[in-house]
Amino acid sequence: MYLLAVDTATHCGGAALGRNEEVVGQVMLKTPLEYSEKILPIIDFLLAQNKLSLPQINVFAVTTGPGSFTGLRIGLATVKAFAQALDRPVIGISTLEALAYRFRHVGRRIGPMLDARRQQIYAAVYRTDGLEIVCEQEDQVSPPMAWLSSIEDAPVFVGDGAQLYRQSILSVHPGARILETDNMVLEALTQLGYRRYAEGKTMSADQLRGNYVRAPDVRVAEHRGR
């Protein structure tokens, strides 16, 4: 079984190819402004390196957000187009869940934090036994201090938001464990995607939706007649 995973939600996106639960190839892009230009070429590269063609992919996995609005739309549109054209199932996974899954071995509770700009973070809390993760506090966008104050027992904090607001974390949770990490989730996305596929937890391309968490900044100008 081959799975193609696409992540364009953060500045550490790219694509990965999985054979069952094993990641057999991945290309990371740290140029989010060029996702629209580069995501298809790196997918072609991954397939060529593994002597595969797109119709041989059994299922597609993609981060649904939260993250960059523009980046998310690129990833979602790419996967939707592939899945619709090939009539393949899709697996959408929260960016925060994938990040927590990446660090499931470092503690019983993981607090992924992504910089949401405007002095806000995207954050959640997940419980883990080292194998599976379970959502304890759902994905949300919040000022860092408000979210940190809502947590009674500090999880292990990961992600670029944890780096950016390190002092805020320590002011609310002295002695908290903060890992120096980036937001790369390709391997975790591939592994989670395989697990969901094996459990039959897939969807159609038409059912795939973005997990934007925060409403987009769209201001509609008032029309004034003359």
N, C-alpha and C. Protein backbone atom coordinates (compact mmCIF):
# COMPACT_ATOMS: atom_id res chain seq x y z
N MET A 1 0.84 -1.19 0.00
CA MET A 1 0.00 0.00 0.00
C MET A 1 0.89 1.25 0.00
N TYR A 2 0.60 2.15 -0.92
CA TYR A 2 1.37 3.40 -1.00
C TYR A 2 0.49 4.58 -0.60
N LEU A 3 1.08 5.47 0.19
CA LEU A 3 0.40 6.66 0.67
C LEU A 3 1.25 7.88 0.34
N LEU A 4 0.61 8.90 -0.18
CA LEU A 4 1.30 10.16 -0.44
C LEU A 4 0.79 11.20 0.56
N ALA A 5 1.71 11.78 1.33
CA ALA A 5 1.35 12.77 2.34
C ALA A 5 1.83 14.15 1.90
N VAL A 6 0.98 15.15 2.08
CA VAL A 6 1.29 16.52 1.69
C VAL A 6 1.04 17.45 2.87
N ASP A 7 2.03 18.29 3.18
CA ASP A 7 1.87 19.29 4.24
C ASP A 7 2.33 20.64 3.72
N THR A 8 1.42 21.60 3.69
CA THR A 8 1.77 22.96 3.32
C THR A 8 1.21 23.95 4.35
N ALA A 9 1.00 23.45 5.57
CA ALA A 9 0.37 24.27 6.60
C ALA A 9 1.34 25.22 7.29
N THR A 10 2.63 24.85 7.35
CA THR A 10 3.61 25.66 8.06
C THR A 10 4.82 25.93 7.17
N HIS A 11 5.86 26.50 7.75
CA HIS A 11 7.08 26.80 7.00
C HIS A 11 8.00 25.59 6.85
N CYS A 12 7.58 24.42 7.36
CA CYS A 12 8.37 23.19 7.24
C CYS A 12 7.57 22.13 6.50
N GLY A 13 6.96 22.49 5.39
CA GLY A 13 6.09 21.57 4.68
C GLY A 13 6.83 20.73 3.66
N GLY A 14 6.06 20.13 2.74
CA GLY A 14 6.64 19.29 1.71
C GLY A 14 5.75 18.10 1.43
N ALA A 15 6.37 17.02 0.97
CA ALA A 15 5.64 15.81 0.64
C ALA A 15 6.44 14.59 1.05
N ALA A 16 5.73 13.51 1.37
CA ALA A 16 6.38 12.26 1.79
C ALA A 16 5.65 11.09 1.15
N LEU A 17 6.39 10.04 0.92
CA LEU A 17 5.84 8.82 0.35
C LEU A 17 5.97 7.70 1.36
N GLY A 18 4.87 7.02 1.64
CA GLY A 18 4.88 5.92 2.58
C GLY A 18 4.50 4.61 1.92
N ARG A 19 5.20 3.56 2.33
CA ARG A 19 4.82 2.20 1.93
C ARG A 19 4.38 1.50 3.21
N ASN A 20 3.08 1.29 3.33
CA ASN A 20 2.49 0.90 4.61
C ASN A 20 2.87 1.96 5.64
N GLU A 21 3.42 1.58 6.78
CA GLU A 21 3.73 2.58 7.81
C GLU A 21 5.14 3.15 7.67
N GLU A 22 5.91 2.63 6.74
CA GLU A 22 7.29 3.07 6.56
C GLU A 22 7.36 4.28 5.62
N VAL A 23 8.11 5.29 6.01
CA VAL A 23 8.35 6.44 5.15
C VAL A 23 9.53 6.09 4.24
N VAL A 24 9.30 6.03 2.94
CA VAL A 24 10.36 5.63 2.02
C VAL A 24 11.00 6.81 1.32
N GLY A 25 10.42 7.99 1.48
CA GLY A 25 11.02 9.18 0.90
C GLY A 25 10.26 10.43 1.30
N GLN A 26 10.99 11.53 1.46
CA GLN A 26 10.34 12.79 1.77
C GLN A 26 11.21 13.95 1.31
N VAL A 27 10.55 15.02 0.95
CA VAL A 27 11.24 16.25 0.57
C VAL A 27 10.61 17.39 1.35
N MET A 28 11.42 18.10 2.14
CA MET A 28 10.90 19.20 2.94
C MET A 28 11.17 20.52 2.23
N LEU A 29 10.21 21.41 2.30
CA LEU A 29 10.34 22.75 1.74
C LEU A 29 10.27 23.77 2.86
N LYS A 30 11.28 24.61 2.95
CA LYS A 30 11.25 25.70 3.92
C LYS A 30 11.07 27.04 3.20
N THR A 31 10.32 26.98 2.11
CA THR A 31 10.02 28.18 1.32
C THR A 31 8.52 28.26 1.10
N PRO A 32 7.76 28.55 2.17
CA PRO A 32 6.29 28.51 2.09
C PRO A 32 5.70 29.41 1.01
N LEU A 33 6.38 30.51 0.66
CA LEU A 33 5.86 31.39 -0.37
C LEU A 33 5.95 30.75 -1.76
N GLU A 34 6.67 29.63 -1.84
CA GLU A 34 6.84 28.96 -3.13
C GLU A 34 6.14 27.60 -3.17
N TYR A 35 5.29 27.32 -2.19
CA TYR A 35 4.58 26.03 -2.18
C TYR A 35 3.82 25.78 -3.48
N SER A 36 3.15 26.81 -3.97
CA SER A 36 2.33 26.63 -5.17
C SER A 36 3.17 26.25 -6.37
N GLU A 37 4.42 26.70 -6.40
CA GLU A 37 5.29 26.41 -7.53
C GLU A 37 6.05 25.09 -7.37
N LYS A 38 6.30 24.70 -6.14
CA LYS A 38 7.21 23.58 -5.91
C LYS A 38 6.57 22.27 -5.47
N ILE A 39 5.32 22.31 -5.00
CA ILE A 39 4.75 21.09 -4.43
C ILE A 39 4.57 20.00 -5.50
N LEU A 40 4.13 20.35 -6.68
CA LEU A 40 3.97 19.34 -7.73
C LEU A 40 5.31 18.78 -8.22
N PRO A 41 6.32 19.62 -8.44
CA PRO A 41 7.62 19.07 -8.84
C PRO A 41 8.24 18.12 -7.80
N ILE A 42 8.07 18.40 -6.51
CA ILE A 42 8.67 17.49 -5.54
C ILE A 42 7.88 16.18 -5.45
N ILE A 43 6.58 16.24 -5.70
CA ILE A 43 5.79 15.01 -5.75
C ILE A 43 6.25 14.16 -6.94
N ASP A 44 6.44 14.80 -8.08
CA ASP A 44 6.95 14.09 -9.26
C ASP A 44 8.31 13.48 -8.96
N PHE A 45 9.16 14.22 -8.26
CA PHE A 45 10.49 13.73 -7.90
C PHE A 45 10.41 12.50 -6.99
N LEU A 46 9.56 12.56 -5.98
CA LEU A 46 9.40 11.43 -5.06
C LEU A 46 8.94 10.18 -5.78
N LEU A 47 7.97 10.34 -6.65
CA LEU A 47 7.45 9.20 -7.39
C LEU A 47 8.51 8.62 -8.32
N ALA A 48 9.23 9.50 -9.01
CA ALA A 48 10.26 9.03 -9.94
C ALA A 48 11.37 8.30 -9.21
N GLN A 49 11.76 8.81 -8.04
CA GLN A 49 12.84 8.18 -7.28
C GLN A 49 12.45 6.79 -6.80
N ASN A 50 11.17 6.55 -6.65
CA ASN A 50 10.70 5.24 -6.18
C ASN A 50 10.04 4.42 -7.30
N LYS A 51 10.27 4.89 -8.56
CA LYS A 51 9.77 4.17 -9.74
C LYS A 51 8.27 3.89 -9.65
N LEU A 52 7.54 4.94 -9.25
CA LEU A 52 6.09 4.85 -9.12
C LEU A 52 5.43 5.90 -9.99
N SER A 53 4.18 5.69 -10.30
CA SER A 53 3.36 6.70 -10.96
C SER A 53 2.20 7.04 -10.04
N LEU A 54 1.59 8.18 -10.25
CA LEU A 54 0.53 8.65 -9.37
C LEU A 54 -0.63 7.65 -9.24
N PRO A 55 -1.05 6.97 -10.31
CA PRO A 55 -2.14 6.00 -10.16
C PRO A 55 -1.82 4.83 -9.23
N GLN A 56 -0.56 4.65 -8.88
CA GLN A 56 -0.19 3.57 -7.96
C GLN A 56 -0.37 3.96 -6.49
N ILE A 57 -0.68 5.23 -6.24
CA ILE A 57 -0.93 5.68 -4.87
C ILE A 57 -2.32 5.24 -4.44
N ASN A 58 -2.40 4.59 -3.29
CA ASN A 58 -3.68 4.05 -2.79
C ASN A 58 -4.50 5.05 -2.00
N VAL A 59 -3.80 5.97 -1.33
CA VAL A 59 -4.51 6.92 -0.46
C VAL A 59 -3.64 8.17 -0.29
N PHE A 60 -4.31 9.30 -0.06
CA PHE A 60 -3.61 10.57 0.14
C PHE A 60 -3.89 11.09 1.54
N ALA A 61 -2.86 11.64 2.18
CA ALA A 61 -3.01 12.26 3.50
C ALA A 61 -2.56 13.71 3.40
N VAL A 62 -3.22 14.59 4.14
CA VAL A 62 -2.89 16.01 4.09
C VAL A 62 -3.18 16.66 5.43
N THR A 63 -2.35 17.63 5.80
CA THR A 63 -2.65 18.43 6.99
C THR A 63 -3.78 19.39 6.66
N THR A 64 -4.78 19.42 7.52
CA THR A 64 -5.95 20.26 7.28
C THR A 64 -5.88 21.59 8.03
N GLY A 65 -4.81 21.80 8.81
CA GLY A 65 -4.69 23.02 9.59
C GLY A 65 -4.82 22.70 11.07
N PRO A 66 -4.64 23.70 11.89
CA PRO A 66 -4.44 25.10 11.54
C PRO A 66 -3.05 25.37 10.96
N GLY A 67 -2.93 26.57 10.39
CA GLY A 67 -1.68 26.98 9.77
C GLY A 67 -1.93 28.14 8.83
N SER A 68 -0.98 28.36 7.94
CA SER A 68 -1.11 29.43 6.96
C SER A 68 -2.33 29.19 6.07
N PHE A 69 -3.19 30.20 5.96
CA PHE A 69 -4.39 30.05 5.15
C PHE A 69 -4.05 29.74 3.69
N THR A 70 -3.10 30.50 3.14
CA THR A 70 -2.72 30.28 1.74
C THR A 70 -2.08 28.91 1.57
N GLY A 71 -1.18 28.56 2.49
CA GLY A 71 -0.52 27.26 2.41
C GLY A 71 -1.51 26.11 2.50
N LEU A 72 -2.45 26.20 3.42
CA LEU A 72 -3.44 25.14 3.58
C LEU A 72 -4.25 24.94 2.30
N ARG A 73 -4.64 26.01 1.69
CA ARG A 73 -5.44 25.90 0.46
C ARG A 73 -4.66 25.19 -0.65
N ILE A 74 -3.36 25.44 -0.72
CA ILE A 74 -2.53 24.80 -1.74
C ILE A 74 -2.50 23.29 -1.52
N GLY A 75 -2.23 22.87 -0.27
CA GLY A 75 -2.18 21.44 0.03
C GLY A 75 -3.51 20.74 -0.16
N LEU A 76 -4.57 21.37 0.32
CA LEU A 76 -5.90 20.78 0.20
C LEU A 76 -6.33 20.66 -1.26
N ALA A 77 -6.06 21.70 -2.03
CA ALA A 77 -6.44 21.69 -3.45
C ALA A 77 -5.66 20.63 -4.21
N THR A 78 -4.38 20.48 -3.89
CA THR A 78 -3.54 19.48 -4.56
C THR A 78 -4.05 18.08 -4.30
N VAL A 79 -4.31 17.76 -3.03
CA VAL A 79 -4.77 16.43 -2.66
C VAL A 79 -6.18 16.16 -3.20
N LYS A 80 -7.04 17.16 -3.12
CA LYS A 80 -8.39 16.98 -3.67
C LYS A 80 -8.36 16.65 -5.15
N ALA A 81 -7.51 17.36 -5.89
CA ALA A 81 -7.42 17.15 -7.34
C ALA A 81 -6.94 15.73 -7.65
N PHE A 82 -5.91 15.28 -6.93
CA PHE A 82 -5.39 13.93 -7.14
C PHE A 82 -6.45 12.88 -6.81
N ALA A 83 -7.07 13.04 -5.64
CA ALA A 83 -8.03 12.04 -5.17
C ALA A 83 -9.26 11.97 -6.07
N GLN A 84 -9.73 13.11 -6.54
CA GLN A 84 -10.89 13.12 -7.43
C GLN A 84 -10.56 12.49 -8.78
N ALA A 85 -9.40 12.83 -9.31
CA ALA A 85 -9.02 12.30 -10.63
C ALA A 85 -8.82 10.79 -10.61
N LEU A 86 -8.29 10.28 -9.48
CA LEU A 86 -7.96 8.85 -9.39
C LEU A 86 -8.99 8.04 -8.60
N ASP A 87 -10.01 8.74 -8.05
CA ASP A 87 -11.02 8.09 -7.22
C ASP A 87 -10.38 7.35 -6.06
N ARG A 88 -9.57 8.09 -5.31
CA ARG A 88 -8.87 7.53 -4.16
C ARG A 88 -9.39 8.16 -2.86
N PRO A 89 -9.29 7.44 -1.75
CA PRO A 89 -9.69 8.02 -0.47
C PRO A 89 -8.67 9.03 0.05
N VAL A 90 -9.13 9.85 0.97
CA VAL A 90 -8.32 10.92 1.54
C VAL A 90 -8.36 10.83 3.07
N ILE A 91 -7.27 11.23 3.70
CA ILE A 91 -7.21 11.32 5.16
C ILE A 91 -6.74 12.73 5.52
N GLY A 92 -7.59 13.47 6.21
CA GLY A 92 -7.23 14.80 6.67
C GLY A 92 -6.85 14.76 8.15
N ILE A 93 -5.71 15.36 8.48
CA ILE A 93 -5.20 15.29 9.86
C ILE A 93 -4.82 16.68 10.33
N SER A 94 -5.21 17.02 11.54
CA SER A 94 -4.87 18.30 12.15
C SER A 94 -3.34 18.46 12.22
N THR A 95 -2.89 19.66 11.89
CA THR A 95 -1.46 19.96 11.99
C THR A 95 -0.97 19.77 13.42
N LEU A 96 -1.77 20.21 14.38
CA LEU A 96 -1.38 20.09 15.79
C LEU A 96 -1.35 18.63 16.24
N GLU A 97 -2.29 17.83 15.74
CA GLU A 97 -2.29 16.41 16.09
C GLU A 97 -1.04 15.73 15.53
N ALA A 98 -0.70 16.05 14.29
CA ALA A 98 0.50 15.45 13.69
C ALA A 98 1.75 15.85 14.45
N LEU A 99 1.82 17.11 14.88
CA LEU A 99 2.98 17.58 15.64
C LEU A 99 3.07 16.88 16.99
N ALA A 100 1.92 16.71 17.64
CA ALA A 100 1.90 15.99 18.92
C ALA A 100 2.31 14.53 18.72
N TYR A 101 1.85 13.92 17.64
CA TYR A 101 2.18 12.52 17.36
C TYR A 101 3.68 12.35 17.14
N ARG A 102 4.30 13.33 16.51
CA ARG A 102 5.75 13.29 16.29
C ARG A 102 6.50 13.15 17.61
N PHE A 103 5.99 13.77 18.67
CA PHE A 103 6.69 13.77 19.96
C PHE A 103 5.98 12.90 21.01
N ARG A 104 5.26 11.89 20.55
CA ARG A 104 4.48 11.05 21.46
C ARG A 104 5.34 10.26 22.44
N HIS A 105 6.64 10.15 22.17
CA HIS A 105 7.50 9.35 23.03
C HIS A 105 8.15 10.17 24.17
N VAL A 106 7.95 11.48 24.17
CA VAL A 106 8.71 12.31 25.11
C VAL A 106 7.93 12.65 26.38
N GLY A 107 6.66 12.33 26.45
CA GLY A 107 5.88 12.62 27.65
C GLY A 107 4.47 12.09 27.52
N ARG A 108 3.74 12.09 28.63
CA ARG A 108 2.37 11.58 28.60
C ARG A 108 1.38 12.61 28.07
N ARG A 109 1.75 13.87 28.09
CA ARG A 109 0.89 14.93 27.56
C ARG A 109 1.76 15.86 26.72
N ILE A 110 1.27 16.17 25.52
CA ILE A 110 2.01 17.01 24.60
C ILE A 110 1.18 18.25 24.28
N GLY A 111 1.84 19.41 24.33
CA GLY A 111 1.16 20.67 24.02
C GLY A 111 1.77 21.31 22.79
N PRO A 112 1.29 20.96 21.58
CA PRO A 112 1.82 21.60 20.38
C PRO A 112 1.37 23.05 20.28
N MET A 113 2.30 23.92 19.93
CA MET A 113 2.02 25.35 19.79
C MET A 113 2.59 25.85 18.47
N LEU A 114 1.75 26.45 17.65
CA LEU A 114 2.19 27.05 16.39
C LEU A 114 1.99 28.56 16.45
N ASP A 115 2.96 29.28 15.95
CA ASP A 115 2.82 30.74 15.88
C ASP A 115 1.71 31.09 14.91
N ALA A 116 0.68 31.78 15.39
CA ALA A 116 -0.45 32.18 14.54
C ALA A 116 -0.36 33.66 14.16
N ARG A 117 0.77 34.29 14.54
CA ARG A 117 0.98 35.72 14.30
C ARG A 117 -0.07 36.54 15.06
N ARG A 118 0.03 37.85 14.96
CA ARG A 118 -0.87 38.76 15.69
C ARG A 118 -0.86 38.49 17.20
N GLN A 119 0.31 38.02 17.70
CA GLN A 119 0.47 37.71 19.13
C GLN A 119 -0.53 36.65 19.58
N GLN A 120 -0.77 35.69 18.71
CA GLN A 120 -1.63 34.55 19.03
C GLN A 120 -0.92 33.25 18.66
N ILE A 121 -1.46 32.16 19.19
CA ILE A 121 -0.94 30.83 18.87
C ILE A 121 -2.09 29.91 18.51
N TYR A 122 -1.78 28.91 17.71
CA TYR A 122 -2.66 27.76 17.53
C TYR A 122 -2.14 26.71 18.51
N ALA A 123 -3.02 26.12 19.28
CA ALA A 123 -2.55 25.20 20.31
C ALA A 123 -3.60 24.16 20.66
N ALA A 124 -3.15 23.09 21.27
CA ALA A 124 -4.02 22.01 21.74
C ALA A 124 -3.23 21.20 22.75
N VAL A 125 -3.89 20.24 23.38
CA VAL A 125 -3.21 19.31 24.30
C VAL A 125 -3.64 17.90 23.93
N TYR A 126 -2.65 17.01 23.87
CA TYR A 126 -2.91 15.60 23.55
C TYR A 126 -2.28 14.71 24.62
N ARG A 127 -3.02 13.67 24.98
CA ARG A 127 -2.49 12.64 25.88
C ARG A 127 -1.96 11.49 25.05
N THR A 128 -0.91 10.83 25.53
CA THR A 128 -0.32 9.74 24.77
C THR A 128 0.24 8.67 25.70
N ASP A 129 0.23 7.43 25.19
CA ASP A 129 0.87 6.33 25.90
C ASP A 129 2.16 5.91 25.19
N GLY A 130 2.60 6.75 24.25
CA GLY A 130 3.79 6.44 23.48
C GLY A 130 3.48 5.77 22.16
N LEU A 131 2.23 5.29 22.02
CA LEU A 131 1.81 4.65 20.78
C LEU A 131 0.67 5.41 20.12
N GLU A 132 -0.37 5.66 20.89
CA GLU A 132 -1.54 6.38 20.40
C GLU A 132 -1.61 7.75 21.07
N ILE A 133 -2.31 8.68 20.44
CA ILE A 133 -2.56 9.97 21.08
C ILE A 133 -4.06 10.24 21.08
N VAL A 134 -4.51 10.92 22.12
CA VAL A 134 -5.93 11.25 22.28
C VAL A 134 -6.03 12.74 22.58
N CYS A 135 -6.95 13.42 21.91
CA CYS A 135 -7.11 14.85 22.12
C CYS A 135 -7.70 15.13 23.50
N GLU A 136 -7.03 15.95 24.27
CA GLU A 136 -7.51 16.36 25.59
C GLU A 136 -8.12 17.76 25.53
N GLN A 137 -7.51 18.63 24.77
CA GLN A 137 -8.03 19.99 24.57
C GLN A 137 -7.97 20.30 23.08
N GLU A 138 -9.10 20.61 22.49
CA GLU A 138 -9.19 20.75 21.03
C GLU A 138 -8.39 21.93 20.50
N ASP A 139 -8.10 21.85 19.19
CA ASP A 139 -7.37 22.91 18.50
C ASP A 139 -8.07 24.25 18.70
N GLN A 140 -7.28 25.28 18.98
CA GLN A 140 -7.86 26.60 19.17
C GLN A 140 -6.82 27.67 18.84
N VAL A 141 -7.28 28.89 18.66
CA VAL A 141 -6.39 30.03 18.50
C VAL A 141 -6.62 30.94 19.70
N SER A 142 -5.53 31.45 20.27
CA SER A 142 -5.66 32.19 21.52
C SER A 142 -4.41 33.03 21.77
N PRO A 143 -4.53 34.12 22.54
CA PRO A 143 -3.33 34.77 23.05
C PRO A 143 -2.58 33.76 23.92
N PRO A 144 -1.27 33.73 23.86
CA PRO A 144 -0.50 32.70 24.59
C PRO A 144 -0.82 32.63 26.08
N MET A 145 -0.87 33.77 26.76
CA MET A 145 -1.08 33.75 28.20
C MET A 145 -2.45 33.20 28.56
N ALA A 146 -3.46 33.51 27.77
CA ALA A 146 -4.81 33.01 28.05
C ALA A 146 -4.85 31.50 27.92
N TRP A 147 -4.23 30.97 26.86
CA TRP A 147 -4.22 29.52 26.68
C TRP A 147 -3.39 28.83 27.76
N LEU A 148 -2.24 29.37 28.05
CA LEU A 148 -1.37 28.75 29.07
C LEU A 148 -2.05 28.74 30.44
N SER A 149 -2.80 29.78 30.74
CA SER A 149 -3.48 29.86 32.03
C SER A 149 -4.63 28.87 32.13
N SER A 150 -5.11 28.38 30.99
CA SER A 150 -6.23 27.43 30.99
C SER A 150 -5.77 25.99 31.26
N ILE A 151 -4.46 25.78 31.28
CA ILE A 151 -3.91 24.44 31.49
C ILE A 151 -3.45 24.30 32.93
N GLU A 152 -4.00 23.34 33.65
CA GLU A 152 -3.62 23.16 35.05
C GLU A 152 -2.26 22.49 35.19
N ASP A 153 -2.06 21.39 34.49
CA ASP A 153 -0.79 20.68 34.55
C ASP A 153 -0.07 20.83 33.22
N ALA A 154 1.16 21.31 33.26
CA ALA A 154 1.88 21.62 32.03
C ALA A 154 2.24 20.35 31.25
N PRO A 155 1.92 20.31 29.95
CA PRO A 155 2.38 19.23 29.10
C PRO A 155 3.81 19.53 28.63
N VAL A 156 4.36 18.69 27.79
CA VAL A 156 5.62 19.00 27.13
C VAL A 156 5.27 19.90 25.94
N PHE A 157 5.85 21.09 25.90
CA PHE A 157 5.51 22.06 24.87
C PHE A 157 6.44 21.89 23.66
N VAL A 158 5.84 21.86 22.47
CA VAL A 158 6.62 21.68 21.24
C VAL A 158 6.10 22.64 20.17
N GLY A 159 6.91 22.86 19.14
CA GLY A 159 6.51 23.71 18.03
C GLY A 159 7.13 25.10 18.09
N ASP A 160 7.05 25.84 16.98
CA ASP A 160 7.68 27.16 16.95
C ASP A 160 7.02 28.14 17.89
N GLY A 161 5.74 27.92 18.21
CA GLY A 161 5.07 28.78 19.17
C GLY A 161 5.65 28.64 20.57
N ALA A 162 6.08 27.42 20.90
CA ALA A 162 6.70 27.18 22.21
C ALA A 162 8.04 27.90 22.30
N GLN A 163 8.76 27.97 21.19
CA GLN A 163 10.03 28.69 21.17
C GLN A 163 9.80 30.19 21.29
N LEU A 164 8.84 30.69 20.54
CA LEU A 164 8.57 32.12 20.51
C LEU A 164 8.08 32.65 21.85
N TYR A 165 7.26 31.83 22.54
CA TYR A 165 6.67 32.28 23.80
C TYR A 165 7.22 31.49 25.00
N ARG A 166 8.48 31.17 24.92
CA ARG A 166 9.14 30.40 25.98
C ARG A 166 9.00 31.08 27.35
N GLN A 167 9.26 32.37 27.41
CA GLN A 167 9.20 33.08 28.68
C GLN A 167 7.78 33.14 29.22
N SER A 168 6.81 33.24 28.34
CA SER A 168 5.41 33.23 28.79
C SER A 168 5.07 31.87 29.39
N ILE A 169 5.54 30.80 28.76
CA ILE A 169 5.30 29.46 29.29
C ILE A 169 5.87 29.34 30.70
N LEU A 170 7.11 29.76 30.86
CA LEU A 170 7.79 29.60 32.15
C LEU A 170 7.19 30.51 33.22
N SER A 171 6.61 31.63 32.82
CA SER A 171 6.00 32.52 33.80
C SER A 171 4.72 31.92 34.39
N VAL A 172 4.03 31.11 33.57
CA VAL A 172 2.79 30.46 34.03
C VAL A 172 3.07 29.07 34.59
N HIS A 173 4.01 28.37 33.98
CA HIS A 173 4.35 27.00 34.39
C HIS A 173 5.86 26.89 34.64
N PRO A 174 6.34 27.39 35.77
CA PRO A 174 7.78 27.32 36.05
C PRO A 174 8.28 25.87 36.00
N GLY A 175 9.39 25.67 35.34
CA GLY A 175 9.94 24.33 35.26
C GLY A 175 9.35 23.48 34.16
N ALA A 176 8.46 24.06 33.35
CA ALA A 176 7.85 23.30 32.25
C ALA A 176 8.91 22.84 31.27
N ARG A 177 8.66 21.72 30.65
CA ARG A 177 9.58 21.17 29.65
C ARG A 177 9.22 21.74 28.28
N ILE A 178 10.18 22.41 27.66
CA ILE A 178 9.98 23.05 26.36
C ILE A 178 11.04 22.52 25.41
N LEU A 179 10.61 21.82 24.38
CA LEU A 179 11.56 21.26 23.43
C LEU A 179 11.86 22.27 22.32
N GLU A 180 13.12 22.31 21.92
CA GLU A 180 13.51 23.19 20.81
C GLU A 180 13.24 22.43 19.51
N THR A 181 12.13 22.75 18.88
CA THR A 181 11.69 21.99 17.70
C THR A 181 11.22 22.91 16.60
N ASP A 182 11.15 22.33 15.40
CA ASP A 182 10.48 23.02 14.30
C ASP A 182 9.08 22.42 14.17
N ASN A 183 8.39 22.75 13.08
CA ASN A 183 7.01 22.29 12.90
C ASN A 183 6.90 21.15 11.89
N MET A 184 7.99 20.49 11.58
CA MET A 184 7.96 19.44 10.56
C MET A 184 7.11 18.26 11.02
N VAL A 185 6.15 17.84 10.17
CA VAL A 185 5.24 16.75 10.56
C VAL A 185 5.10 15.69 9.46
N LEU A 186 5.92 15.73 8.43
CA LEU A 186 5.74 14.83 7.30
C LEU A 186 5.76 13.36 7.70
N GLU A 187 6.75 12.97 8.49
CA GLU A 187 6.83 11.56 8.91
C GLU A 187 5.63 11.17 9.76
N ALA A 188 5.28 12.04 10.71
CA ALA A 188 4.13 11.77 11.57
C ALA A 188 2.84 11.72 10.76
N LEU A 189 2.71 12.61 9.78
CA LEU A 189 1.53 12.64 8.93
C LEU A 189 1.39 11.33 8.15
N THR A 190 2.52 10.83 7.64
CA THR A 190 2.51 9.57 6.89
C THR A 190 2.12 8.40 7.78
N GLN A 191 2.68 8.35 8.98
CA GLN A 191 2.39 7.25 9.91
C GLN A 191 0.94 7.31 10.39
N LEU A 192 0.48 8.49 10.75
CA LEU A 192 -0.92 8.63 11.17
C LEU A 192 -1.87 8.30 10.02
N GLY A 193 -1.49 8.73 8.81
CA GLY A 193 -2.32 8.45 7.65
C GLY A 193 -2.48 6.96 7.43
N TYR A 194 -1.39 6.22 7.57
CA TYR A 194 -1.47 4.76 7.41
C TYR A 194 -2.37 4.15 8.46
N ARG A 195 -2.25 4.59 9.70
CA ARG A 195 -3.08 4.05 10.78
C ARG A 195 -4.56 4.29 10.50
N ARG A 196 -4.89 5.50 10.06
CA ARG A 196 -6.29 5.82 9.77
C ARG A 196 -6.79 4.97 8.59
N TYR A 197 -5.94 4.80 7.60
CA TYR A 197 -6.32 3.98 6.45
C TYR A 197 -6.58 2.54 6.88
N ALA A 198 -5.70 2.00 7.71
CA ALA A 198 -5.85 0.62 8.17
C ALA A 198 -7.11 0.45 9.00
N GLU A 199 -7.53 1.52 9.68
CA GLU A 199 -8.74 1.48 10.51
C GLU A 199 -10.00 1.81 9.71
N GLY A 200 -9.83 2.11 8.44
CA GLY A 200 -10.97 2.45 7.61
C GLY A 200 -11.49 3.86 7.82
N LYS A 201 -10.67 4.73 8.42
CA LYS A 201 -11.10 6.09 8.72
C LYS A 201 -10.65 7.05 7.62
N THR A 202 -11.27 6.90 6.46
CA THR A 202 -10.94 7.76 5.32
C THR A 202 -12.18 8.56 4.92
N MET A 203 -11.98 9.44 3.97
CA MET A 203 -13.09 10.24 3.44
C MET A 203 -12.89 10.42 1.95
N SER A 204 -13.91 10.94 1.30
CA SER A 204 -13.78 11.26 -0.11
C SER A 204 -13.19 12.65 -0.27
N ALA A 205 -12.75 12.95 -1.47
CA ALA A 205 -12.19 14.28 -1.72
C ALA A 205 -13.22 15.37 -1.43
N ASP A 206 -14.47 15.11 -1.74
CA ASP A 206 -15.52 16.11 -1.52
C ASP A 206 -15.76 16.39 -0.04
N GLN A 207 -15.41 15.45 0.81
CA GLN A 207 -15.62 15.62 2.25
C GLN A 207 -14.46 16.34 2.94
N LEU A 208 -13.34 16.50 2.24
CA LEU A 208 -12.15 17.11 2.84
C LEU A 208 -12.38 18.59 3.10
N ARG A 209 -12.12 19.03 4.32
CA ARG A 209 -12.30 20.43 4.71
C ARG A 209 -11.08 20.94 5.47
N GLY A 210 -10.83 22.23 5.36
CA GLY A 210 -9.75 22.85 6.10
C GLY A 210 -10.14 23.10 7.54
N ASN A 211 -9.18 22.92 8.44
CA ASN A 211 -9.37 23.17 9.87
C ASN A 211 -8.70 24.51 10.19
N TYR A 212 -9.34 25.59 9.75
CA TYR A 212 -8.69 26.90 9.81
C TYR A 212 -8.65 27.48 11.23
N VAL A 213 -9.57 27.08 12.08
CA VAL A 213 -9.66 27.51 13.48
C VAL A 213 -10.01 29.00 13.59
N ARG A 214 -9.24 29.84 12.91
CA ARG A 214 -9.50 31.28 12.95
C ARG A 214 -10.09 31.72 11.62
N ALA A 215 -11.08 32.60 11.66
CA ALA A 215 -11.70 33.08 10.42
C ALA A 215 -10.70 33.88 9.61
N PRO A 216 -10.74 33.76 8.28
CA PRO A 216 -9.80 34.50 7.44
C PRO A 216 -10.03 36.00 7.52
N ASP A 217 -8.96 36.75 7.25
CA ASP A 217 -9.06 38.21 7.25
C ASP A 217 -9.61 38.68 5.92
N VAL A 218 -10.91 38.75 5.86
CA VAL A 218 -11.54 39.23 4.63
C VAL A 218 -12.44 40.40 4.99
N ARG A 219 -12.14 41.52 4.45
CA ARG A 219 -12.95 42.70 4.71
C ARG A 219 -13.70 43.06 3.43
N VAL A 220 -14.98 43.07 3.55
CA VAL A 220 -15.80 43.39 2.40
C VAL A 220 -16.10 44.88 2.42
N ALA A 221 -15.65 45.55 1.40
CA ALA A 221 -15.88 47.00 1.33
C ALA A 221 -17.36 47.30 1.15
N GLU A 222 -17.81 48.25 1.85
CA GLU A 222 -19.23 48.64 1.74
C GLU A 222 -19.47 49.33 0.42
N HIS A 223 -20.48 48.89 -0.27
CA HIS A 223 -20.79 49.48 -1.57
C HIS A 223 -21.65 50.72 -1.36
N ARG A 224 -21.17 51.79 -1.89
CA ARG A 224 -21.93 53.05 -1.79
C ARG A 224 -22.38 53.48 -3.19
N GLY A 225 -23.68 53.58 -3.33
CA GLY A 225 -24.20 54.00 -4.63
C GLY A 225 -24.00 55.49 -4.83
N ARG A 226 -23.91 55.86 -6.06
CA ARG A 226 -23.75 57.26 -6.38
C ARG A 226 -25.02 57.82 -7.00
